[in-house]
């Protein structure tokens, strides 16, 4: 029998984004914009689809140079335009589920344009406790989001 475990954790990241809430929200809801700032491993072949509505799915399937497949599948629970997104997702390596999470993203006017508060409640399964890597990867994505929003402002 396989030894099973569940390590629960949560973390919050607050970002001061250089765009109004509608633009910050659009970066999450527009498939092309979301693809730009969430792509983190250029060496992987990526398939991405986004059905941004309550009950809709976002699927990210990445295949590494060695053929390993990584799958992130998210289901949107609540979407309040320009205010809040709630979704749940799981992360799989091959056929093995390594984590499941509930995420809340809140947008409020403030700072340079938008204060975005991202809260993730995660359970890492069967020894795959990768909390620090998850936080680091999430912050790297938000760095790219910030650059993308800044670039959009300069194009206006």
N, C-alpha and C. Protein backbone atom coordinates (compact mmCIF):
# COMPACT_ATOMS: atom_id res chain seq x y z
N UNK A 1 0.84 -1.19 0.00
CA UNK A 1 0.00 0.00 0.00
C UNK A 1 0.88 1.25 0.00
N UNK A 2 0.49 2.25 -0.78
CA UNK A 2 1.22 3.50 -0.86
C UNK A 2 1.00 4.33 0.40
N UNK A 3 2.06 4.92 0.90
CA UNK A 3 1.96 5.79 2.08
C UNK A 3 1.35 7.12 1.65
N UNK A 4 0.22 7.49 2.20
CA UNK A 4 -0.50 8.71 1.81
C UNK A 4 -0.30 9.80 2.85
N UNK A 5 -0.25 11.05 2.35
CA UNK A 5 -0.16 12.19 3.25
C UNK A 5 -0.84 13.39 2.60
N UNK A 6 -1.22 14.36 3.42
CA UNK A 6 -1.83 15.61 2.95
C UNK A 6 -1.28 16.74 3.81
N UNK A 7 -0.47 17.61 3.19
CA UNK A 7 0.12 18.74 3.90
C UNK A 7 -0.62 20.01 3.48
N UNK A 8 -1.36 20.59 4.43
CA UNK A 8 -2.17 21.79 4.16
C UNK A 8 -1.37 23.06 4.45
N UNK A 9 -1.57 24.05 3.59
CA UNK A 9 -0.90 25.33 3.78
C UNK A 9 -1.72 26.42 3.08
N UNK A 10 -1.38 27.65 3.37
CA UNK A 10 -1.97 28.77 2.63
C UNK A 10 -0.94 29.90 2.57
N UNK A 11 -1.11 30.76 1.59
CA UNK A 11 -0.26 31.93 1.48
C UNK A 11 -1.03 33.03 0.76
N UNK A 12 -0.61 34.26 1.02
CA UNK A 12 -1.22 35.44 0.39
C UNK A 12 -0.11 36.29 -0.21
N UNK A 13 -0.35 36.75 -1.42
CA UNK A 13 0.57 37.66 -2.12
C UNK A 13 -0.23 38.90 -2.48
N UNK A 14 0.27 40.07 -2.09
CA UNK A 14 -0.38 41.34 -2.42
C UNK A 14 0.53 42.06 -3.40
N UNK A 15 -0.03 42.51 -4.51
CA UNK A 15 0.73 43.23 -5.53
C UNK A 15 0.08 44.57 -5.83
N UNK A 16 0.91 45.58 -6.00
CA UNK A 16 0.50 46.92 -6.42
C UNK A 16 0.73 46.98 -7.92
N UNK A 17 -0.33 46.88 -8.70
CA UNK A 17 -0.22 46.80 -10.15
C UNK A 17 -0.41 48.17 -10.82
N UNK A 18 0.33 48.41 -11.92
CA UNK A 18 0.30 49.72 -12.58
C UNK A 18 -0.82 49.86 -13.61
N UNK A 19 -2.03 49.51 -13.22
CA UNK A 19 -3.18 49.62 -14.13
C UNK A 19 -4.45 49.64 -13.29
N UNK A 20 -5.53 50.19 -13.83
CA UNK A 20 -6.79 50.20 -13.09
C UNK A 20 -7.35 48.78 -12.94
N UNK A 21 -8.27 48.58 -11.98
CA UNK A 21 -8.81 47.24 -11.75
C UNK A 21 -9.37 46.55 -13.00
N UNK A 22 -10.02 47.28 -13.90
CA UNK A 22 -10.58 46.66 -15.11
C UNK A 22 -9.46 46.05 -15.97
N UNK A 23 -8.33 46.74 -16.09
CA UNK A 23 -7.22 46.21 -16.89
C UNK A 23 -6.55 45.03 -16.19
N UNK A 24 -6.39 45.12 -14.88
CA UNK A 24 -5.80 44.01 -14.13
C UNK A 24 -6.70 42.77 -14.24
N UNK A 25 -7.99 42.96 -14.11
CA UNK A 25 -8.95 41.86 -14.23
C UNK A 25 -8.89 41.26 -15.64
N UNK A 26 -8.82 42.11 -16.64
CA UNK A 26 -8.77 41.65 -18.04
C UNK A 26 -7.54 40.77 -18.29
N UNK A 27 -6.44 41.04 -17.59
CA UNK A 27 -5.24 40.21 -17.73
C UNK A 27 -5.49 38.78 -17.27
N UNK A 28 -6.48 38.59 -16.40
CA UNK A 28 -6.87 37.25 -15.95
C UNK A 28 -7.93 36.63 -16.86
N UNK A 29 -8.80 37.46 -17.43
CA UNK A 29 -9.97 36.94 -18.16
C UNK A 29 -9.74 36.77 -19.66
N UNK A 30 -8.76 37.44 -20.22
CA UNK A 30 -8.46 37.36 -21.65
C UNK A 30 -7.45 36.24 -21.89
N UNK A 31 -7.80 35.28 -22.74
CA UNK A 31 -6.97 34.09 -22.94
C UNK A 31 -5.55 34.44 -23.39
N UNK A 32 -5.40 35.35 -24.35
CA UNK A 32 -4.07 35.68 -24.85
C UNK A 32 -3.24 36.40 -23.79
N UNK A 33 -3.85 37.34 -23.07
CA UNK A 33 -3.13 38.03 -22.00
C UNK A 33 -2.71 37.05 -20.91
N UNK A 34 -3.62 36.19 -20.52
CA UNK A 34 -3.32 35.21 -19.46
C UNK A 34 -2.20 34.26 -19.89
N UNK A 35 -2.23 33.84 -21.14
CA UNK A 35 -1.19 32.96 -21.66
C UNK A 35 0.19 33.63 -21.57
N UNK A 36 0.24 34.92 -21.88
CA UNK A 36 1.53 35.63 -21.87
C UNK A 36 2.18 35.62 -20.48
N UNK A 37 1.41 35.94 -19.46
CA UNK A 37 2.06 36.09 -18.15
C UNK A 37 2.12 34.80 -17.34
N UNK A 38 1.41 33.75 -17.76
CA UNK A 38 1.48 32.50 -17.02
C UNK A 38 2.46 31.49 -17.62
N UNK A 39 2.99 31.79 -18.80
CA UNK A 39 3.94 30.85 -19.42
C UNK A 39 5.29 30.97 -18.72
N UNK A 40 5.70 29.89 -18.08
CA UNK A 40 6.90 29.98 -17.24
C UNK A 40 8.06 29.13 -17.70
N UNK A 41 7.85 28.15 -18.56
CA UNK A 41 8.94 27.27 -18.99
C UNK A 41 8.99 27.23 -20.51
N UNK A 42 9.76 28.14 -21.13
CA UNK A 42 9.79 28.22 -22.59
C UNK A 42 10.25 26.92 -23.28
N UNK A 43 10.97 26.06 -22.55
CA UNK A 43 11.45 24.82 -23.16
C UNK A 43 10.35 23.76 -23.27
N UNK A 44 9.20 24.01 -22.66
CA UNK A 44 8.10 23.04 -22.69
C UNK A 44 7.11 23.38 -23.80
N UNK A 45 6.52 22.35 -24.37
CA UNK A 45 5.42 22.54 -25.31
C UNK A 45 4.17 22.73 -24.47
N UNK A 46 3.42 23.79 -24.76
CA UNK A 46 2.27 24.14 -23.91
C UNK A 46 1.00 24.16 -24.70
N UNK A 47 -0.04 23.54 -24.13
CA UNK A 47 -1.40 23.65 -24.64
C UNK A 47 -2.18 24.40 -23.58
N UNK A 48 -2.91 25.43 -24.01
CA UNK A 48 -3.65 26.25 -23.05
C UNK A 48 -5.04 26.53 -23.59
N UNK A 49 -6.05 26.37 -22.74
CA UNK A 49 -7.41 26.78 -23.10
C UNK A 49 -8.03 27.47 -21.89
N UNK A 50 -8.89 28.45 -22.17
CA UNK A 50 -9.52 29.23 -21.11
C UNK A 50 -10.98 29.45 -21.44
N UNK A 51 -11.85 28.94 -20.57
CA UNK A 51 -13.30 29.18 -20.65
C UNK A 51 -13.64 29.97 -19.39
N UNK A 52 -13.50 31.29 -19.48
CA UNK A 52 -13.59 32.17 -18.30
C UNK A 52 -15.03 32.53 -18.00
N UNK A 53 -15.68 31.69 -17.21
CA UNK A 53 -17.05 31.90 -16.73
C UNK A 53 -17.24 30.98 -15.53
N UNK A 54 -18.20 31.28 -14.66
CA UNK A 54 -18.45 30.36 -13.55
C UNK A 54 -18.74 28.96 -14.10
N UNK A 55 -18.04 27.97 -13.57
CA UNK A 55 -18.16 26.60 -14.06
C UNK A 55 -17.22 26.28 -15.20
N UNK A 56 -16.61 27.31 -15.80
CA UNK A 56 -15.70 27.11 -16.92
C UNK A 56 -14.35 26.56 -16.48
N UNK A 57 -13.60 26.03 -17.44
CA UNK A 57 -12.30 25.42 -17.16
C UNK A 57 -11.16 26.19 -17.81
N UNK A 58 -10.04 26.17 -17.13
CA UNK A 58 -8.77 26.57 -17.72
C UNK A 58 -7.88 25.35 -17.65
N UNK A 59 -7.28 24.99 -18.78
CA UNK A 59 -6.41 23.83 -18.83
C UNK A 59 -5.05 24.25 -19.36
N UNK A 60 -4.02 23.91 -18.61
CA UNK A 60 -2.63 24.10 -19.02
C UNK A 60 -1.96 22.74 -19.03
N UNK A 61 -1.57 22.27 -20.20
CA UNK A 61 -0.85 21.00 -20.31
C UNK A 61 0.52 21.33 -20.89
N UNK A 62 1.53 20.98 -20.12
CA UNK A 62 2.90 21.25 -20.54
C UNK A 62 3.65 19.93 -20.67
N UNK A 63 4.41 19.81 -21.75
CA UNK A 63 5.21 18.61 -21.97
C UNK A 63 6.67 19.03 -22.02
N UNK A 64 7.46 18.43 -21.13
CA UNK A 64 8.88 18.76 -21.06
C UNK A 64 9.66 18.10 -22.17
N UNK A 65 10.91 18.54 -22.36
CA UNK A 65 11.77 17.96 -23.40
C UNK A 65 11.95 16.45 -23.24
N UNK A 66 11.82 15.95 -22.02
CA UNK A 66 11.97 14.51 -21.76
C UNK A 66 10.66 13.75 -21.91
N UNK A 67 9.57 14.45 -22.29
CA UNK A 67 8.28 13.80 -22.49
C UNK A 67 7.38 13.80 -21.26
N UNK A 68 7.89 14.28 -20.11
CA UNK A 68 7.06 14.35 -18.90
C UNK A 68 5.91 15.33 -19.12
N UNK A 69 4.72 14.95 -18.66
CA UNK A 69 3.53 15.79 -18.85
C UNK A 69 3.10 16.35 -17.49
N UNK A 70 2.87 17.66 -17.47
CA UNK A 70 2.40 18.39 -16.29
C UNK A 70 1.06 19.01 -16.67
N UNK A 71 0.05 18.80 -15.82
CA UNK A 71 -1.29 19.27 -16.14
C UNK A 71 -1.85 20.08 -14.98
N UNK A 72 -2.32 21.29 -15.30
CA UNK A 72 -3.03 22.13 -14.34
C UNK A 72 -4.43 22.32 -14.89
N UNK A 73 -5.42 21.92 -14.10
CA UNK A 73 -6.82 22.05 -14.52
C UNK A 73 -7.56 22.84 -13.45
N UNK A 74 -8.12 23.99 -13.87
CA UNK A 74 -8.81 24.88 -12.94
C UNK A 74 -10.28 24.99 -13.32
N UNK A 75 -11.13 25.12 -12.31
CA UNK A 75 -12.56 25.37 -12.52
C UNK A 75 -12.92 26.66 -11.80
N UNK A 76 -13.54 27.59 -12.55
CA UNK A 76 -13.92 28.87 -11.97
C UNK A 76 -15.20 28.71 -11.17
N UNK A 77 -15.19 29.21 -9.95
CA UNK A 77 -16.32 29.09 -9.03
C UNK A 77 -17.14 30.37 -9.01
N UNK A 78 -16.44 31.51 -8.88
CA UNK A 78 -17.13 32.81 -8.85
C UNK A 78 -16.29 33.83 -9.60
N UNK A 79 -16.98 34.64 -10.39
CA UNK A 79 -16.33 35.72 -11.12
C UNK A 79 -17.17 36.97 -10.95
N UNK A 80 -16.60 37.98 -10.30
CA UNK A 80 -17.23 39.29 -10.18
C UNK A 80 -16.34 40.26 -10.94
N UNK A 81 -16.75 40.68 -12.14
CA UNK A 81 -15.89 41.51 -12.98
C UNK A 81 -15.25 42.68 -12.24
N UNK A 82 -13.94 42.81 -12.43
CA UNK A 82 -13.12 43.89 -11.88
C UNK A 82 -13.00 43.84 -10.35
N UNK A 83 -13.54 42.79 -9.70
CA UNK A 83 -13.52 42.73 -8.24
C UNK A 83 -12.92 41.45 -7.67
N UNK A 84 -13.39 40.27 -8.17
CA UNK A 84 -12.95 39.03 -7.52
C UNK A 84 -13.09 37.84 -8.47
N UNK A 85 -12.14 36.90 -8.33
CA UNK A 85 -12.17 35.61 -9.02
C UNK A 85 -11.90 34.54 -7.97
N UNK A 86 -12.72 33.50 -7.96
CA UNK A 86 -12.47 32.34 -7.10
C UNK A 86 -12.43 31.12 -8.00
N UNK A 87 -11.37 30.33 -7.84
CA UNK A 87 -11.25 29.10 -8.64
C UNK A 87 -10.54 28.02 -7.84
N UNK A 88 -10.76 26.79 -8.26
CA UNK A 88 -10.09 25.64 -7.65
C UNK A 88 -9.29 24.95 -8.76
N UNK A 89 -8.11 24.45 -8.40
CA UNK A 89 -7.32 23.75 -9.41
C UNK A 89 -6.53 22.62 -8.79
N UNK A 90 -6.17 21.67 -9.66
CA UNK A 90 -5.25 20.62 -9.22
C UNK A 90 -4.08 20.56 -10.18
N UNK A 91 -2.99 20.00 -9.66
CA UNK A 91 -1.74 19.91 -10.41
C UNK A 91 -1.36 18.44 -10.49
N UNK A 92 -1.08 17.98 -11.70
CA UNK A 92 -0.72 16.58 -11.90
C UNK A 92 0.59 16.46 -12.65
N UNK A 93 1.36 15.48 -12.26
CA UNK A 93 2.57 15.09 -12.97
C UNK A 93 2.28 13.69 -13.50
N UNK A 94 2.15 13.57 -14.83
CA UNK A 94 1.69 12.31 -15.39
C UNK A 94 0.30 12.02 -14.87
N UNK A 95 0.09 10.83 -14.33
CA UNK A 95 -1.21 10.45 -13.77
C UNK A 95 -1.32 10.73 -12.27
N UNK A 96 -0.28 11.30 -11.70
CA UNK A 96 -0.21 11.49 -10.25
C UNK A 96 -0.62 12.91 -9.85
N UNK A 97 -1.70 13.04 -9.06
CA UNK A 97 -2.12 14.36 -8.54
C UNK A 97 -1.19 14.70 -7.38
N UNK A 98 -0.51 15.85 -7.47
CA UNK A 98 0.43 16.24 -6.42
C UNK A 98 -0.10 17.34 -5.50
N UNK A 99 -1.14 18.07 -5.97
CA UNK A 99 -1.72 19.11 -5.11
C UNK A 99 -3.10 19.50 -5.63
N UNK A 100 -3.86 20.13 -4.74
CA UNK A 100 -5.15 20.73 -5.09
C UNK A 100 -5.25 22.03 -4.30
N UNK A 101 -5.86 23.06 -4.92
CA UNK A 101 -5.89 24.38 -4.29
C UNK A 101 -7.21 25.10 -4.52
N UNK A 102 -7.53 25.99 -3.59
CA UNK A 102 -8.61 26.96 -3.74
C UNK A 102 -7.96 28.33 -3.73
N UNK A 103 -8.28 29.15 -4.74
CA UNK A 103 -7.65 30.46 -4.90
C UNK A 103 -8.70 31.55 -4.95
N UNK A 104 -8.42 32.66 -4.26
CA UNK A 104 -9.23 33.87 -4.34
C UNK A 104 -8.32 35.01 -4.79
N UNK A 105 -8.73 35.72 -5.84
CA UNK A 105 -7.99 36.88 -6.34
C UNK A 105 -8.92 38.08 -6.21
N UNK A 106 -8.46 39.10 -5.49
CA UNK A 106 -9.28 40.30 -5.28
C UNK A 106 -8.59 41.51 -5.90
N UNK A 107 -9.38 42.38 -6.51
CA UNK A 107 -8.89 43.59 -7.17
C UNK A 107 -9.55 44.80 -6.52
N UNK A 108 -8.74 45.78 -6.12
CA UNK A 108 -9.27 47.01 -5.53
C UNK A 108 -8.45 48.18 -6.04
N UNK A 109 -9.09 49.32 -6.27
CA UNK A 109 -8.38 50.52 -6.66
C UNK A 109 -7.42 50.90 -5.54
N UNK A 110 -6.22 51.27 -5.92
CA UNK A 110 -5.24 51.67 -4.90
C UNK A 110 -3.84 51.66 -5.47
N UNK A 111 -2.91 52.18 -4.70
CA UNK A 111 -1.51 52.19 -5.12
C UNK A 111 -1.31 52.84 -6.47
N UNK A 112 -0.61 52.15 -7.36
CA UNK A 112 -0.35 52.67 -8.71
C UNK A 112 -1.52 52.46 -9.64
N UNK A 113 -2.59 51.82 -9.17
CA UNK A 113 -3.77 51.57 -9.98
C UNK A 113 -4.65 50.50 -9.37
N UNK A 114 -4.05 49.34 -9.06
CA UNK A 114 -4.81 48.22 -8.48
C UNK A 114 -4.00 47.53 -7.40
N UNK A 115 -4.64 47.28 -6.29
CA UNK A 115 -4.08 46.38 -5.29
C UNK A 115 -4.72 45.03 -5.55
N UNK A 116 -3.88 44.07 -5.95
CA UNK A 116 -4.36 42.71 -6.21
C UNK A 116 -3.93 41.83 -5.04
N UNK A 117 -4.90 41.15 -4.43
CA UNK A 117 -4.62 40.24 -3.32
C UNK A 117 -4.94 38.83 -3.78
N UNK A 118 -3.92 37.98 -3.78
CA UNK A 118 -4.03 36.59 -4.22
C UNK A 118 -3.84 35.70 -2.99
N UNK A 119 -4.84 34.88 -2.69
CA UNK A 119 -4.76 33.96 -1.55
C UNK A 119 -4.98 32.55 -2.06
N UNK A 120 -4.02 31.67 -1.76
CA UNK A 120 -4.12 30.26 -2.16
C UNK A 120 -4.12 29.38 -0.93
N UNK A 121 -5.11 28.50 -0.86
CA UNK A 121 -5.18 27.46 0.18
C UNK A 121 -4.90 26.15 -0.55
N UNK A 122 -3.81 25.49 -0.16
CA UNK A 122 -3.35 24.31 -0.91
C UNK A 122 -3.22 23.10 -0.01
N UNK A 123 -3.38 21.94 -0.63
CA UNK A 123 -3.04 20.68 0.01
C UNK A 123 -2.06 19.98 -0.93
N UNK A 124 -0.87 19.69 -0.41
CA UNK A 124 0.15 18.95 -1.15
C UNK A 124 0.04 17.49 -0.75
N UNK A 125 0.02 16.62 -1.73
CA UNK A 125 -0.32 15.22 -1.51
C UNK A 125 0.89 14.28 -1.57
N UNK A 126 0.89 13.33 -0.69
CA UNK A 126 1.79 12.17 -0.73
C UNK A 126 3.26 12.54 -0.87
N UNK A 127 3.69 13.49 -0.04
CA UNK A 127 5.10 13.86 0.01
C UNK A 127 5.52 14.97 -0.94
N UNK A 128 4.62 15.46 -1.75
CA UNK A 128 4.95 16.54 -2.69
C UNK A 128 4.71 17.90 -2.05
N UNK A 129 5.39 18.18 -0.95
CA UNK A 129 5.23 19.45 -0.25
C UNK A 129 6.15 20.48 -0.90
N UNK A 130 5.59 21.25 -1.84
CA UNK A 130 6.37 22.20 -2.64
C UNK A 130 5.87 23.62 -2.43
N UNK A 131 5.57 23.97 -1.18
CA UNK A 131 5.02 25.29 -0.86
C UNK A 131 5.94 26.41 -1.33
N UNK A 132 7.22 26.33 -0.99
CA UNK A 132 8.15 27.41 -1.35
C UNK A 132 8.25 27.57 -2.87
N UNK A 133 8.29 26.45 -3.60
CA UNK A 133 8.36 26.52 -5.06
C UNK A 133 7.08 27.11 -5.64
N UNK A 134 5.93 26.80 -5.03
CA UNK A 134 4.65 27.34 -5.51
C UNK A 134 4.63 28.86 -5.32
N UNK A 135 5.06 29.33 -4.16
CA UNK A 135 5.09 30.77 -3.90
C UNK A 135 6.05 31.46 -4.87
N UNK A 136 7.23 30.88 -5.06
CA UNK A 136 8.22 31.46 -5.97
C UNK A 136 7.67 31.52 -7.40
N UNK A 137 7.07 30.43 -7.88
CA UNK A 137 6.53 30.41 -9.23
C UNK A 137 5.38 31.38 -9.40
N UNK A 138 4.53 31.51 -8.39
CA UNK A 138 3.41 32.45 -8.44
C UNK A 138 3.93 33.88 -8.52
N UNK A 139 4.93 34.20 -7.71
CA UNK A 139 5.53 35.54 -7.74
C UNK A 139 6.19 35.82 -9.10
N UNK A 140 6.84 34.83 -9.68
CA UNK A 140 7.45 35.02 -11.00
C UNK A 140 6.37 35.34 -12.04
N UNK A 141 5.24 34.65 -11.97
CA UNK A 141 4.13 34.95 -12.88
C UNK A 141 3.61 36.36 -12.68
N UNK A 142 3.50 36.78 -11.43
CA UNK A 142 3.01 38.13 -11.15
C UNK A 142 4.02 39.19 -11.59
N UNK A 143 5.31 38.87 -11.57
CA UNK A 143 6.32 39.78 -12.14
C UNK A 143 6.05 39.98 -13.63
N UNK A 144 5.76 38.88 -14.34
CA UNK A 144 5.45 38.97 -15.77
C UNK A 144 4.13 39.70 -16.00
N UNK A 145 3.14 39.49 -15.13
CA UNK A 145 1.86 40.21 -15.22
C UNK A 145 2.10 41.71 -15.11
N UNK A 146 2.90 42.10 -14.14
CA UNK A 146 3.18 43.52 -13.94
C UNK A 146 3.86 44.13 -15.16
N UNK A 147 4.84 43.42 -15.73
CA UNK A 147 5.51 43.90 -16.94
C UNK A 147 4.55 44.00 -18.12
N UNK A 148 3.65 43.03 -18.24
CA UNK A 148 2.67 43.04 -19.32
C UNK A 148 1.71 44.22 -19.18
N UNK A 149 1.26 44.49 -17.96
CA UNK A 149 0.37 45.64 -17.74
C UNK A 149 1.10 46.96 -18.02
N UNK A 150 2.36 47.04 -17.60
CA UNK A 150 3.16 48.26 -17.84
C UNK A 150 3.34 48.46 -19.35
N UNK A 151 3.63 47.40 -20.08
CA UNK A 151 3.81 47.50 -21.54
C UNK A 151 2.51 47.96 -22.21
N UNK A 152 1.37 47.46 -21.74
CA UNK A 152 0.09 47.88 -22.31
C UNK A 152 -0.15 49.36 -22.08
N UNK A 153 0.26 49.88 -20.93
CA UNK A 153 0.10 51.32 -20.65
C UNK A 153 0.95 52.17 -21.59
N UNK A 154 2.15 51.71 -21.89
CA UNK A 154 3.04 52.49 -22.76
C UNK A 154 2.57 52.44 -24.22
N UNK A 155 1.80 51.41 -24.60
CA UNK A 155 1.27 51.32 -25.97
C UNK A 155 0.07 52.24 -26.17
N UNK A 156 -0.55 52.70 -25.09
CA UNK A 156 -1.76 53.53 -25.22
C UNK A 156 -1.46 54.92 -25.66
